[in-house]
Structures are given as C-alpha cells and as structure tokens.
Amino acid sequence: MHLQGWHLVIIIVLALLLFAGPKLPKLARSLGQSMRIFKSEVRQMKEDDKPNASSSNTASADEEPVEGRVIDDGQTGPRA
C-alpha cells in the first residue's frame, strides 16, 4: 500500500483535529493578527517608497546635507 499526497493530507488534518482541537481557535487568532501586522507593514513600506509631490531631488528644509569623509584605519595595505 502506497500513501499518496492526499492520504497524508487527510491523516494530518485528522491528527490536528484530535490532538490540537482546543488550541486551533487561539492559533487561528494569532495567525490572523500576524497577517494584519504583516499587511500593515508592507503597506507602510510601499508608502515610504513613494516620492512626495512637494519634495524634489534636493534635500528638504528639515534635512541638512552630510559631508562624507574617508578615514584610513591603517588596516588596509597601500593603494595603487
């Protein structure tokens, strides 16, 4: 007798109902809450990626340009 995919699915569903039945509502609730958090984070990331219509490529009034410097830490060899 060879077990096929749908046989395993039925066995797993029955095992879940028998052994984890009382815990399923709590599991479903936490899964739904996690999905809501994930969706809101994805939505927030999409909104952060959209450029604002009022800002351009230059720095806005509340952002100051930052000067970048290269610091030699002495661990790298001489540059050619």
Protein backbone atom coordinates (compact mmCIF):
# COMPACT_ATOMS: atom_id res chain seq x y z
CA MET A 1 0.00 0.00 0.00
CA HIS A 2 1.50 3.30 -1.12
CA LEU A 3 0.47 6.51 0.59
CA GLN A 4 -0.28 9.28 -1.85
CA GLY A 5 -0.28 13.01 -1.19
CA TRP A 6 -3.96 13.34 -0.42
CA HIS A 7 -3.75 10.40 2.05
CA LEU A 8 -1.12 12.27 4.02
CA VAL A 9 -3.22 15.44 3.98
CA ILE A 10 -6.21 13.58 5.44
CA ILE A 11 -4.05 11.96 8.14
CA ILE A 12 -2.50 15.32 9.11
CA VAL A 13 -5.93 17.02 9.28
CA LEU A 14 -7.32 14.23 11.47
CA ALA A 15 -4.29 14.36 13.77
CA LEU A 16 -4.69 18.13 14.10
CA LEU A 17 -8.36 17.82 14.96
CA LEU A 18 -7.75 15.09 17.53
CA PHE A 19 -4.69 16.44 19.33
CA ALA A 20 -4.78 20.19 18.75
CA GLY A 21 -8.54 20.81 18.53
CA PRO A 22 -8.85 23.06 21.60
CA LYS A 23 -5.81 25.10 20.55
CA LEU A 24 -6.96 25.76 16.97
CA PRO A 25 -9.04 28.92 17.69
CA LYS A 26 -6.11 30.53 19.50
CA LEU A 27 -3.77 29.51 16.67
CA ALA A 28 -6.12 30.97 14.05
CA ARG A 29 -6.49 34.20 16.03
CA SER A 30 -2.73 34.68 16.35
CA LEU A 31 -2.25 33.83 12.66
CA GLY A 32 -4.85 36.46 11.68
CA GLN A 33 -3.22 39.06 13.91
CA SER A 34 0.18 38.30 12.40
CA MET A 35 -1.22 38.65 8.88
CA ARG A 36 -2.76 42.05 9.76
CA ILE A 37 0.56 43.27 11.15
CA PHE A 38 2.41 41.99 8.09
CA LYS A 39 -0.03 43.67 5.69
CA SER A 40 0.18 46.99 7.54
CA GLU A 41 3.99 46.87 7.49
CA VAL A 42 4.02 46.13 3.74
CA ARG A 43 1.57 48.99 3.13
CA GLN A 44 3.72 51.33 5.22
CA MET A 45 6.87 50.33 3.31
CA LYS A 46 5.10 50.99 -0.01
CA GLU A 47 4.03 54.44 1.21
CA ASP A 48 7.59 55.20 2.35
CA ASP A 49 8.94 54.33 -1.12
CA LYS A 50 6.59 56.73 -2.92
CA PRO A 51 8.20 60.13 -3.58
CA ASN A 52 6.35 63.11 -2.16
CA ALA A 53 4.91 65.54 -4.70
CA SER A 54 6.21 68.55 -2.75
CA SER A 55 9.81 67.34 -2.45
CA SER A 56 12.39 67.21 -5.21
CA ASN A 57 15.76 65.51 -5.53
CA THR A 58 17.43 68.14 -3.33
CA ALA A 59 17.47 67.95 0.44
CA SER A 60 14.31 69.20 2.11
CA ALA A 61 14.24 72.03 4.66
CA ASP A 62 14.44 69.69 7.67
CA GLU A 63 17.36 67.67 6.26
CA GLU A 64 20.86 69.07 6.17
CA PRO A 65 23.47 67.74 3.74
CA VAL A 66 26.07 65.50 5.33
CA GLU A 67 29.75 65.75 4.43
CA GLY A 68 31.36 62.37 3.77
CA ARG A 69 34.99 61.63 4.56
CA VAL A 70 37.14 58.57 4.01
CA ILE A 71 39.02 57.55 7.14
CA ASP A 72 42.12 55.40 6.79
CA ASP A 73 42.03 52.87 9.59
CA GLY A 74 45.56 51.64 8.92
CA GLN A 75 44.46 48.04 8.43
CA THR A 76 44.40 48.11 4.65
CA GLY A 77 47.53 47.94 2.54
CA PRO A 78 48.84 50.74 0.35
CA ARG A 79 46.64 51.71 -2.54
CA ALA A 80 47.95 51.66 -6.07
